[in-house]
Amino acid sequence: MTELKSSSGGLACGACFVSGPHSPVTTNCMENHSTIYRRPVSIFGKESGFTLVELMVTIALFGILMASAAGALSYYLAGRSLDTAAAELTTEIREAHALAVSTGSTYRIDFSDAGRTTYTMQKRQGSTWVDVHAARSLSGVEFSSSSLPSFGGNMYLDLDPRGTGEDGNLVLVNRYGNTKTINVNGETVNITVS
Protein backbone atom coordinates (compact mmCIF):
# COMPACT_ATOMS: atom_id res chain seq x y z
CA MET A 1 0.00 0.00 0.00
CA THR A 2 1.25 3.43 -0.78
CA GLU A 3 0.91 6.43 1.40
CA LEU A 4 -0.64 9.50 -0.22
CA LYS A 5 -1.37 12.98 0.98
CA SER A 6 -5.08 13.73 1.09
CA SER A 7 -6.54 17.09 0.11
CA SER A 8 -6.82 17.91 3.82
CA GLY A 9 -3.11 17.31 4.27
CA GLY A 10 -3.42 14.00 6.22
CA LEU A 11 -2.48 10.53 5.09
CA ALA A 12 -4.76 8.74 2.61
CA CYS A 13 -4.94 5.07 1.72
CA GLY A 14 -3.42 4.34 -1.70
CA ALA A 15 -6.01 1.60 -2.40
CA CYS A 16 -9.19 3.50 -1.65
CA PHE A 17 -8.03 7.12 -1.36
CA VAL A 18 -9.91 7.58 1.90
CA SER A 19 -8.19 9.45 4.68
CA GLY A 20 -9.21 8.51 8.14
CA PRO A 21 -8.33 6.67 11.30
CA HIS A 22 -6.43 3.89 9.57
CA SER A 23 -2.99 4.20 8.12
CA PRO A 24 -1.80 1.94 5.33
CA VAL A 25 1.45 1.51 7.24
CA THR A 26 -0.12 0.16 10.45
CA THR A 27 -3.47 -1.33 9.37
CA ASN A 28 -4.57 -3.43 6.42
CA CYS A 29 -6.90 -1.16 4.40
CA MET A 30 -9.30 -3.99 3.47
CA GLU A 31 -10.14 -4.63 7.14
CA ASN A 32 -11.75 -1.20 7.33
CA HIS A 33 -14.02 -1.69 4.33
CA SER A 34 -16.93 -4.10 3.91
CA THR A 35 -16.72 -4.44 0.12
CA ILE A 36 -13.91 -5.19 -2.26
CA TYR A 37 -14.98 -2.47 -4.70
CA ARG A 38 -15.58 1.06 -3.51
CA ARG A 39 -17.38 3.55 -5.71
CA PRO A 40 -15.39 6.57 -6.74
CA VAL A 41 -15.87 9.61 -4.54
CA SER A 42 -16.85 12.84 -6.26
CA ILE A 43 -15.41 16.23 -5.35
CA PHE A 44 -18.44 16.80 -3.15
CA GLY A 45 -17.62 13.78 -0.99
CA LYS A 46 -20.55 11.69 -2.28
CA GLU A 47 -20.25 8.36 -4.03
CA SER A 48 -20.79 8.56 -7.80
CA GLY A 49 -21.22 6.13 -10.69
CA PHE A 50 -23.02 2.80 -11.05
CA THR A 51 -21.94 -0.75 -10.51
CA LEU A 52 -22.07 -3.24 -13.37
CA VAL A 53 -24.92 -5.11 -11.65
CA GLU A 54 -26.98 -1.92 -11.37
CA LEU A 55 -26.45 -1.16 -15.04
CA MET A 56 -27.39 -4.69 -16.11
CA VAL A 57 -30.58 -4.67 -14.01
CA THR A 58 -31.54 -1.29 -15.47
CA ILE A 59 -30.94 -2.48 -19.02
CA ALA A 60 -32.95 -5.68 -18.40
CA LEU A 61 -35.90 -3.70 -17.00
CA PHE A 62 -35.72 -1.27 -19.91
CA GLY A 63 -35.77 -4.21 -22.35
CA ILE A 64 -38.84 -5.73 -20.68
CA LEU A 65 -40.67 -2.39 -20.80
CA MET A 66 -39.79 -1.86 -24.46
CA ALA A 67 -40.96 -5.36 -25.39
CA SER A 68 -44.35 -4.81 -23.77
CA ALA A 69 -44.64 -1.33 -25.31
CA ALA A 70 -43.82 -2.69 -28.77
CA GLY A 71 -46.68 -5.19 -28.56
CA ALA A 72 -49.13 -2.53 -27.45
CA LEU A 73 -47.91 -0.15 -30.15
CA SER A 74 -48.33 -2.81 -32.83
CA TYR A 75 -51.91 -3.48 -31.70
CA TYR A 76 -52.67 0.26 -31.64
CA LEU A 77 -51.26 0.80 -35.14
CA ALA A 78 -53.29 -2.12 -36.52
CA GLY A 79 -56.43 -0.50 -35.09
CA ARG A 80 -55.49 2.83 -36.68
CA SER A 81 -54.99 1.08 -40.04
CA LEU A 82 -58.50 -0.33 -39.76
CA ASP A 83 -59.96 3.11 -38.99
CA THR A 84 -58.02 4.69 -41.86
CA ALA A 85 -59.09 2.02 -44.38
CA ALA A 86 -62.75 2.42 -43.38
CA ALA A 87 -62.52 6.22 -43.74
CA GLU A 88 -60.79 5.98 -47.14
CA LEU A 89 -63.31 3.48 -48.45
CA THR A 90 -66.23 5.60 -47.22
CA THR A 91 -64.71 8.63 -48.97
CA GLU A 92 -64.28 6.63 -52.18
CA ILE A 93 -67.95 5.54 -52.14
CA ARG A 94 -69.09 9.13 -51.55
CA GLU A 95 -66.84 10.39 -54.35
CA ALA A 96 -68.24 7.81 -56.79
CA HIS A 97 -71.78 8.78 -55.74
CA ALA A 98 -71.05 12.50 -56.33
CA LEU A 99 -69.45 11.77 -59.73
CA ALA A 100 -72.42 9.64 -60.80
CA VAL A 101 -74.89 12.42 -59.98
CA SER A 102 -72.79 15.28 -61.40
CA THR A 103 -71.77 13.58 -64.67
CA GLY A 104 -74.94 11.58 -65.36
CA SER A 105 -72.91 8.36 -65.67
CA THR A 106 -73.02 5.15 -63.68
CA TYR A 107 -70.03 4.53 -61.43
CA ARG A 108 -69.15 1.54 -59.31
CA ILE A 109 -66.67 0.43 -56.71
CA ASP A 110 -65.35 -3.03 -57.57
CA PHE A 111 -64.33 -5.23 -54.61
CA SER A 112 -63.68 -8.44 -56.60
CA ASP A 113 -59.90 -8.53 -56.02
CA ALA A 114 -58.90 -12.15 -55.39
CA GLY A 115 -56.42 -11.07 -52.71
CA ARG A 116 -59.20 -9.15 -50.88
CA THR A 117 -56.87 -6.14 -50.36
CA THR A 118 -57.73 -3.68 -53.15
CA TYR A 119 -60.73 -1.93 -54.67
CA THR A 120 -61.22 0.06 -57.87
CA MET A 121 -63.56 2.90 -58.89
CA GLN A 122 -64.93 2.32 -62.39
CA LYS A 123 -67.09 4.30 -64.83
CA ARG A 124 -69.50 2.79 -67.35
CA GLN A 125 -68.71 3.74 -70.93
CA GLY A 126 -71.22 2.11 -73.22
CA SER A 127 -71.28 -1.56 -72.30
CA THR A 128 -67.81 -1.67 -70.69
CA TRP A 129 -66.36 -0.53 -67.39
CA VAL A 130 -63.29 1.69 -67.39
CA ASP A 131 -61.06 2.18 -64.33
CA VAL A 132 -61.21 5.77 -63.11
CA HIS A 133 -57.89 5.27 -61.31
CA ALA A 134 -55.56 2.43 -60.45
CA ALA A 135 -56.65 -0.07 -57.82
CA ARG A 136 -56.34 1.31 -54.29
CA SER A 137 -54.88 -0.79 -51.54
CA LEU A 138 -56.16 -1.41 -48.03
CA SER A 139 -52.81 -1.18 -46.23
CA GLY A 140 -52.65 -3.67 -43.35
CA VAL A 141 -56.35 -4.51 -43.77
CA GLU A 142 -58.37 -6.85 -46.00
CA PHE A 143 -61.95 -7.68 -46.80
CA SER A 144 -63.22 -10.42 -44.51
CA SER A 145 -63.16 -13.88 -46.09
CA SER A 146 -66.12 -15.00 -43.99
CA SER A 147 -68.27 -12.04 -45.06
CA LEU A 148 -67.27 -10.95 -48.56
CA PRO A 149 -68.55 -7.59 -49.86
CA SER A 150 -72.09 -8.01 -51.11
CA PHE A 151 -74.23 -5.37 -52.82
CA GLY A 152 -77.33 -6.84 -54.45
CA GLY A 153 -75.52 -10.19 -54.59
CA ASN A 154 -72.50 -8.69 -56.40
CA MET A 155 -68.98 -7.86 -55.25
CA TYR A 156 -69.32 -4.31 -56.52
CA LEU A 157 -71.42 -1.31 -55.58
CA ASP A 158 -73.22 0.37 -58.50
CA LEU A 159 -74.06 4.07 -58.10
CA ASP A 160 -76.42 5.43 -60.75
CA PRO A 161 -77.00 9.02 -61.97
CA ARG A 162 -80.28 9.31 -60.02
CA GLY A 163 -78.25 9.22 -56.80
CA THR A 164 -79.16 5.71 -55.72
CA GLY A 165 -77.13 2.56 -55.32
CA GLU A 166 -77.53 -0.94 -53.97
CA ASP A 167 -78.01 -2.01 -50.37
CA GLY A 168 -75.14 -3.98 -48.97
CA ASN A 169 -72.20 -4.16 -46.65
CA LEU A 170 -68.58 -5.10 -46.43
CA VAL A 171 -66.44 -6.10 -43.49
CA LEU A 172 -62.82 -5.01 -43.08
CA VAL A 173 -60.52 -7.03 -40.85
CA ASN A 174 -56.98 -6.32 -39.57
CA ARG A 175 -54.24 -8.82 -38.65
CA TYR A 176 -55.56 -9.12 -35.07
CA GLY A 177 -59.07 -10.06 -36.23
CA ASN A 178 -60.64 -6.69 -35.32
CA THR A 179 -63.38 -5.66 -37.74
CA LYS A 180 -65.20 -2.61 -39.10
CA THR A 181 -68.43 -3.01 -41.03
CA ILE A 182 -69.45 -0.51 -43.71
CA ASN A 183 -73.18 -0.55 -44.43
CA VAL A 184 -74.62 1.24 -47.46
CA ASN A 185 -78.30 2.13 -47.78
CA GLY A 186 -78.87 1.94 -51.54
CA GLU A 187 -81.83 4.30 -51.62
CA THR A 188 -80.04 7.24 -50.02
CA VAL A 189 -76.45 6.02 -50.31
CA ASN A 190 -76.19 6.69 -46.58
CA ILE A 191 -73.02 5.06 -45.25
CA THR A 192 -72.59 3.88 -41.66
CA VAL A 193 -69.44 2.42 -40.16
CA SER A 194 -69.64 0.19 -37.10
C-alpha atoms as a PDB file:
ATOM      1  CA  MET A   1       0.000   0.000   0.000  1.00  0.00           C
ATOM      2  CA  THR A   2       1.248   3.434  -0.780  1.00  0.00           C
ATOM      3  CA  GLU A   3       0.908   6.435   1.399  1.00  0.00           C
ATOM      4  CA  LEU A   4      -0.636   9.501  -0.218  1.00  0.00           C
ATOM      5  CA  LYS A   5      -1.371  12.980   0.978  1.00  0.00           C
ATOM      6  CA  SER A   6      -5.083  13.733   1.094  1.00  0.00           C
ATOM      7  CA  SER A   7      -6.540  17.088   0.110  1.00  0.00           C
ATOM      8  CA  SER A   8      -6.824  17.907   3.823  1.00  0.00           C
ATOM      9  CA  GLY A   9      -3.114  17.308   4.274  1.00  0.00           C
ATOM     10  CA  GLY A  10      -3.416  14.005   6.219  1.00  0.00           C
ATOM     11  CA  LEU A  11      -2.476  10.528   5.090  1.00  0.00           C
ATOM     12  CA  ALA A  12      -4.757   8.736   2.614  1.00  0.00           C
ATOM     13  CA  CYS A  13      -4.935   5.074   1.721  1.00  0.00           C
ATOM     14  CA  GLY A  14      -3.423   4.342  -1.702  1.00  0.00           C
ATOM     15  CA  ALA A  15      -6.010   1.597  -2.405  1.00  0.00           C
ATOM     16  CA  CYS A  16      -9.192   3.504  -1.654  1.00  0.00           C
ATOM     17  CA  PHE A  17      -8.030   7.116  -1.361  1.00  0.00           C
ATOM     18  CA  VAL A  18      -9.906   7.577   1.899  1.00  0.00           C
ATOM     19  CA  SER A  19      -8.189   9.451   4.684  1.00  0.00           C
ATOM     20  CA  GLY A  20      -9.215   8.510   8.143  1.00  0.00           C
ATOM     21  CA  PRO A  21      -8.327   6.671  11.302  1.00  0.00           C
ATOM     22  CA  HIS A  22      -6.428   3.891   9.567  1.00  0.00           C
ATOM     23  CA  SER A  23      -2.987   4.201   8.121  1.00  0.00           C
ATOM     24  CA  PRO A  24      -1.798   1.943   5.331  1.00  0.00           C
ATOM     25  CA  VAL A  25       1.445   1.512   7.241  1.00  0.00           C
ATOM     26  CA  THR A  26      -0.122   0.157  10.451  1.00  0.00           C
ATOM     27  CA  THR A  27      -3.467  -1.331   9.374  1.00  0.00           C
ATOM     28  CA  ASN A  28      -4.568  -3.429   6.417  1.00  0.00           C
ATOM     29  CA  CYS A  29      -6.900  -1.158   4.400  1.00  0.00           C
ATOM     30  CA  MET A  30      -9.296  -3.989   3.474  1.00  0.00           C
ATOM     31  CA  GLU A  31     -10.135  -4.633   7.140  1.00  0.00           C
ATOM     32  CA  ASN A  32     -11.747  -1.199   7.329  1.00  0.00           C
ATOM     33  CA  HIS A  33     -14.019  -1.692   4.330  1.00  0.00           C
ATOM     34  CA  SER A  34     -16.930  -4.103   3.910  1.00  0.00           C
ATOM     35  CA  THR A  35     -16.717  -4.440   0.124  1.00  0.00           C
ATOM     36  CA  ILE A  36     -13.910  -5.188  -2.263  1.00  0.00           C
ATOM     37  CA  TYR A  37     -14.983  -2.466  -4.696  1.00  0.00           C
ATOM     38  CA  ARG A  38     -15.578   1.059  -3.506  1.00  0.00           C
ATOM     39  CA  ARG A  39     -17.378   3.546  -5.706  1.00  0.00           C
ATOM     40  CA  PRO A  40     -15.386   6.570  -6.737  1.00  0.00           C
ATOM     41  CA  VAL A  41     -15.866   9.610  -4.543  1.00  0.00           C
ATOM     42  CA  SER A  42     -16.853  12.843  -6.255  1.00  0.00           C
ATOM     43  CA  ILE A  43     -15.413  16.234  -5.347  1.00  0.00           C
ATOM     44  CA  PHE A  44     -18.444  16.797  -3.146  1.00  0.00           C
ATOM     45  CA  GLY A  45     -17.620  13.779  -0.992  1.00  0.00           C
ATOM     46  CA  LYS A  46     -20.550  11.685  -2.282  1.00  0.00           C
ATOM     47  CA  GLU A  47     -20.250   8.361  -4.034  1.00  0.00           C
ATOM     48  CA  SER A  48     -20.788   8.565  -7.803  1.00  0.00           C
ATOM     49  CA  GLY A  49     -21.217   6.127 -10.690  1.00  0.00           C
ATOM     50  CA  PHE A  50     -23.019   2.803 -11.050  1.00  0.00           C
ATOM     51  CA  THR A  51     -21.939  -0.754 -10.513  1.00  0.00           C
ATOM     52  CA  LEU A  52     -22.067  -3.245 -13.368  1.00  0.00           C
ATOM     53  CA  VAL A  53     -24.917  -5.108 -11.651  1.00  0.00           C
ATOM     54  CA  GLU A  54     -26.978  -1.919 -11.367  1.00  0.00           C
ATOM     55  CA  LEU A  55     -26.451  -1.156 -15.044  1.00  0.00           C
ATOM     56  CA  MET A  56     -27.393  -4.692 -16.109  1.00  0.00           C
ATOM     57  CA  VAL A  57     -30.580  -4.670 -14.009  1.00  0.00           C
ATOM     58  CA  THR A  58     -31.544  -1.287 -15.467  1.00  0.00           C
ATOM     59  CA  ILE A  59     -30.945  -2.478 -19.024  1.00  0.00           C
ATOM     60  CA  ALA A  60     -32.946  -5.678 -18.402  1.00  0.00           C
ATOM     61  CA  LEU A  61     -35.897  -3.701 -17.000  1.00  0.00           C
ATOM     62  CA  PHE A  62     -35.717  -1.269 -19.906  1.00  0.00           C
ATOM     63  CA  GLY A  63     -35.772  -4.214 -22.348  1.00  0.00           C
ATOM     64  CA  ILE A  64     -38.836  -5.729 -20.678  1.00  0.00           C
ATOM     65  CA  LEU A  65     -40.671  -2.392 -20.797  1.00  0.00           C
ATOM     66  CA  MET A  66     -39.786  -1.859 -24.455  1.00  0.00           C
ATOM     67  CA  ALA A  67     -40.959  -5.360 -25.393  1.00  0.00           C
ATOM     68  CA  SER A  68     -44.352  -4.806 -23.773  1.00  0.00           C
ATOM     69  CA  ALA A  69     -44.639  -1.328 -25.308  1.00  0.00           C
ATOM     70  CA  ALA A  70     -43.817  -2.689 -28.770  1.00  0.00           C
ATOM     71  CA  GLY A  71     -46.683  -5.194 -28.562  1.00  0.00           C
ATOM     72  CA  ALA A  72     -49.134  -2.527 -27.448  1.00  0.00           C
ATOM     73  CA  LEU A  73     -47.912  -0.149 -30.151  1.00  0.00           C
ATOM     74  CA  SER A  74     -48.332  -2.811 -32.833  1.00  0.00           C
ATOM     75  CA  TYR A  75     -51.909  -3.480 -31.698  1.00  0.00           C
ATOM     76  CA  TYR A  76     -52.670   0.263 -31.643  1.00  0.00           C
ATOM     77  CA  LEU A  77     -51.262   0.805 -35.139  1.00  0.00           C
ATOM     78  CA  ALA A  78     -53.292  -2.116 -36.522  1.00  0.00           C
ATOM     79  CA  GLY A  79     -56.428  -0.499 -35.092  1.00  0.00           C
ATOM     80  CA  ARG A  80     -55.490   2.830 -36.682  1.00  0.00           C
ATOM     81  CA  SER A  81     -54.987   1.078 -40.041  1.00  0.00           C
ATOM     82  CA  LEU A  82     -58.504  -0.329 -39.763  1.00  0.00           C
ATOM     83  CA  ASP A  83     -59.962   3.115 -38.992  1.00  0.00           C
ATOM     84  CA  THR A  84     -58.017   4.688 -41.863  1.00  0.00           C
ATOM     85  CA  ALA A  85     -59.089   2.025 -44.376  1.00  0.00           C
ATOM     86  CA  ALA A  86     -62.751   2.420 -43.378  1.00  0.00           C
ATOM     87  CA  ALA A  87     -62.525   6.215 -43.739  1.00  0.00           C
ATOM     88  CA  GLU A  88     -60.794   5.985 -47.136  1.00  0.00           C
ATOM     89  CA  LEU A  89     -63.309   3.475 -48.451  1.00  0.00           C
ATOM     90  CA  THR A  90     -66.230   5.595 -47.224  1.00  0.00           C
ATOM     91  CA  THR A  91     -64.710   8.634 -48.969  1.00  0.00           C
ATOM     92  CA  GLU A  92     -64.282   6.627 -52.180  1.00  0.00           C
ATOM     93  CA  ILE A  93     -67.951   5.542 -52.144  1.00  0.00           C
ATOM     94  CA  ARG A  94     -69.089   9.131 -51.546  1.00  0.00           C
ATOM     95  CA  GLU A  95     -66.840  10.394 -54.353  1.00  0.00           C
ATOM     96  CA  ALA A  96     -68.241   7.809 -56.790  1.00  0.00           C
ATOM     97  CA  HIS A  97     -71.778   8.785 -55.741  1.00  0.00           C
ATOM     98  CA  ALA A  98     -71.051  12.504 -56.331  1.00  0.00           C
ATOM     99  CA  LEU A  99     -69.451  11.772 -59.731  1.00  0.00           C
ATOM    100  CA  ALA A 100     -72.420   9.636 -60.796  1.00  0.00           C
ATOM    101  CA  VAL A 101     -74.891  12.416 -59.980  1.00  0.00           C
ATOM    102  CA  SER A 102     -72.791  15.276 -61.404  1.00  0.00           C
ATOM    103  CA  THR A 103     -71.769  13.575 -64.674  1.00  0.00           C
ATOM    104  CA  GLY A 104     -74.936  11.582 -65.355  1.00  0.00           C
ATOM    105  CA  SER A 105     -72.911   8.361 -65.672  1.00  0.00           C
ATOM    106  CA  THR A 106     -73.018   5.148 -63.680  1.00  0.00           C
ATOM    107  CA  TYR A 107     -70.029   4.533 -61.425  1.00  0.00           C
ATOM    108  CA  ARG A 108     -69.147   1.540 -59.314  1.00  0.00           C
ATOM    109  CA  ILE A 109     -66.667   0.430 -56.706  1.00  0.00           C
ATOM    110  CA  ASP A 110     -65.347  -3.025 -57.572  1.00  0.00           C
ATOM    111  CA  PHE A 111     -64.329  -5.228 -54.615  1.00  0.00           C
ATOM    112  CA  SER A 112     -63.678  -8.436 -56.600  1.00  0.00           C
ATOM    113  CA  ASP A 113     -59.901  -8.528 -56.025  1.00  0.00           C
ATOM    114  CA  ALA A 114     -58.901 -12.154 -55.390  1.00  0.00           C
ATOM    115  CA  GLY A 115     -56.418 -11.067 -52.707  1.00  0.00           C
ATOM    116  CA  ARG A 116     -59.197  -9.147 -50.879  1.00  0.00           C
ATOM    117  CA  THR A 117     -56.873  -6.145 -50.358  1.00  0.00           C
ATOM    118  CA  THR A 118     -57.732  -3.679 -53.154  1.00  0.00           C
ATOM    119  CA  TYR A 119     -60.728  -1.931 -54.671  1.00  0.00           C
ATOM    120  CA  THR A 120     -61.224   0.059 -57.866  1.00  0.00           C
ATOM    121  CA  MET A 121     -63.560   2.897 -58.895  1.00  0.00           C
ATOM    122  CA  GLN A 122     -64.927   2.319 -62.388  1.00  0.00           C
ATOM    123  CA  LYS A 123     -67.091   4.297 -64.831  1.00  0.00           C
ATOM    124  CA  ARG A 124     -69.500   2.793 -67.353  1.00  0.00           C
ATOM    125  CA  GLN A 125     -68.712   3.744 -70.934  1.00  0.00           C
ATOM    126  CA  GLY A 126     -71.224   2.112 -73.220  1.00  0.00           C
ATOM    127  CA  SER A 127     -71.277  -1.563 -72.298  1.00  0.00           C
ATOM    128  CA  THR A 128     -67.813  -1.675 -70.693  1.00  0.00           C
ATOM    129  CA  TRP A 129     -66.357  -0.534 -67.389  1.00  0.00           C
ATOM    130  CA  VAL A 130     -63.287   1.688 -67.385  1.00  0.00           C
ATOM    131  CA  ASP A 131     -61.064   2.175 -64.326  1.00  0.00           C
ATOM    132  CA  VAL A 132     -61.206   5.773 -63.115  1.00  0.00           C
ATOM    133  CA  HIS A 133     -57.893   5.269 -61.313  1.00  0.00           C
ATOM    134  CA  ALA A 134     -55.558   2.425 -60.449  1.00  0.00           C
ATOM    135  CA  ALA A 135     -56.645  -0.069 -57.822  1.00  0.00           C
ATOM    136  CA  ARG A 136     -56.335   1.313 -54.293  1.00  0.00           C
ATOM    137  CA  SER A 137     -54.878  -0.794 -51.542  1.00  0.00           C
ATOM    138  CA  LEU A 138     -56.160  -1.406 -48.027  1.00  0.00           C
ATOM    139  CA  SER A 139     -52.811  -1.181 -46.227  1.00  0.00           C
ATOM    140  CA  GLY A 140     -52.650  -3.670 -43.352  1.00  0.00           C
ATOM    141  CA  VAL A 141     -56.354  -4.513 -43.774  1.00  0.00           C
ATOM    142  CA  GLU A 142     -58.365  -6.847 -45.995  1.00  0.00           C
ATOM    143  CA  PHE A 143     -61.949  -7.682 -46.800  1.00  0.00           C
ATOM    144  CA  SER A 144     -63.215 -10.419 -44.513  1.00  0.00           C
ATOM    145  CA  SER A 145     -63.155 -13.882 -46.088  1.00  0.00           C
ATOM    146  CA  SER A 146     -66.123 -14.998 -43.991  1.00  0.00           C
ATOM    147  CA  SER A 147     -68.269 -12.043 -45.060  1.00  0.00           C
ATOM    148  CA  LEU A 148     -67.274 -10.949 -48.559  1.00  0.00           C
ATOM    149  CA  PRO A 149     -68.554  -7.586 -49.864  1.00  0.00           C
ATOM    150  CA  SER A 150     -72.090  -8.008 -51.110  1.00  0.00           C
ATOM    151  CA  PHE A 151     -74.227  -5.371 -52.824  1.00  0.00           C
ATOM    152  CA  GLY A 152     -77.326  -6.837 -54.446  1.00  0.00           C
ATOM    153  CA  GLY A 153     -75.523 -10.188 -54.591  1.00  0.00           C
ATOM    154  CA  ASN A 154     -72.503  -8.689 -56.400  1.00  0.00           C
ATOM    155  CA  MET A 155     -68.980  -7.858 -55.253  1.00  0.00           C
ATOM    156  CA  TYR A 156     -69.316  -4.315 -56.521  1.00  0.00           C
ATOM    157  CA  LEU A 157     -71.420  -1.308 -55.577  1.00  0.00           C
ATOM    158  CA  ASP A 158     -73.224   0.371 -58.499  1.00  0.00           C
ATOM    159  CA  LEU A 159     -74.058   4.069 -58.101  1.00  0.00           C
ATOM    160  CA  ASP A 160     -76.423   5.434 -60.749  1.00  0.00           C
ATOM    161  CA  PRO A 161     -77.001   9.020 -61.972  1.00  0.00           C
ATOM    162  CA  ARG A 162     -80.281   9.310 -60.020  1.00  0.00           C
ATOM    163  CA  GLY A 163     -78.249   9.215 -56.799  1.00  0.00           C
ATOM    164  CA  THR A 164     -79.159   5.707 -55.718  1.00  0.00           C
ATOM    165  CA  GLY A 165     -77.133   2.562 -55.320  1.00  0.00           C
ATOM    166  CA  GLU A 166     -77.531  -0.935 -53.967  1.00  0.00           C
ATOM    167  CA  ASP A 167     -78.013  -2.013 -50.370  1.00  0.00           C
ATOM    168  CA  GLY A 168     -75.136  -3.979 -48.972  1.00  0.00           C
ATOM    169  CA  ASN A 169     -72.198  -4.159 -46.652  1.00  0.00           C
ATOM    170  CA  LEU A 170     -68.580  -5.104 -46.433  1.00  0.00           C
ATOM    171  CA  VAL A 171     -66.439  -6.103 -43.494  1.00  0.00           C
ATOM    172  CA  LEU A 172     -62.824  -5.007 -43.080  1.00  0.00           C
ATOM    173  CA  VAL A 173     -60.515  -7.035 -40.846  1.00  0.00           C
ATOM    174  CA  ASN A 174     -56.979  -6.323 -39.571  1.00  0.00           C
ATOM    175  CA  ARG A 175     -54.241  -8.820 -38.650  1.00  0.00           C
ATOM    176  CA  TYR A 176     -55.555  -9.122 -35.067  1.00  0.00           C
ATOM    177  CA  GLY A 177     -59.065 -10.057 -36.228  1.00  0.00           C
ATOM    178  CA  ASN A 178     -60.638  -6.691 -35.323  1.00  0.00           C
ATOM    179  CA  THR A 179     -63.381  -5.657 -37.737  1.00  0.00           C
ATOM    180  CA  LYS A 180     -65.200  -2.612 -39.100  1.00  0.00           C
ATOM    181  CA  THR A 181     -68.430  -3.013 -41.033  1.00  0.00           C
ATOM    182  CA  ILE A 182     -69.448  -0.509 -43.710  1.00  0.00           C
ATOM    183  CA  ASN A 183     -73.176  -0.551 -44.426  1.00  0.00           C
ATOM    184  CA  VAL A 184     -74.618   1.244 -47.456  1.00  0.00           C
ATOM    185  CA  ASN A 185     -78.297   2.131 -47.784  1.00  0.00           C
ATOM    186  CA  GLY A 186     -78.866   1.942 -51.538  1.00  0.00           C
ATOM    187  CA  GLU A 187     -81.834   4.299 -51.618  1.00  0.00           C
ATOM    188  CA  THR A 188     -80.038   7.241 -50.020  1.00  0.00           C
ATOM    189  CA  VAL A 189     -76.448   6.017 -50.311  1.00  0.00           C
ATOM    190  CA  ASN A 190     -76.193   6.686 -46.578  1.00  0.00           C
ATOM    191  CA  ILE A 191     -73.024   5.059 -45.247  1.00  0.00           C
ATOM    192  CA  THR A 192     -72.594   3.884 -41.663  1.00  0.00           C
ATOM    193  CA  VAL A 193     -69.442   2.419 -40.158  1.00  0.00           C
ATOM    194  CA  SER A 194     -69.635   0.191 -37.096  1.00  0.00           C
END
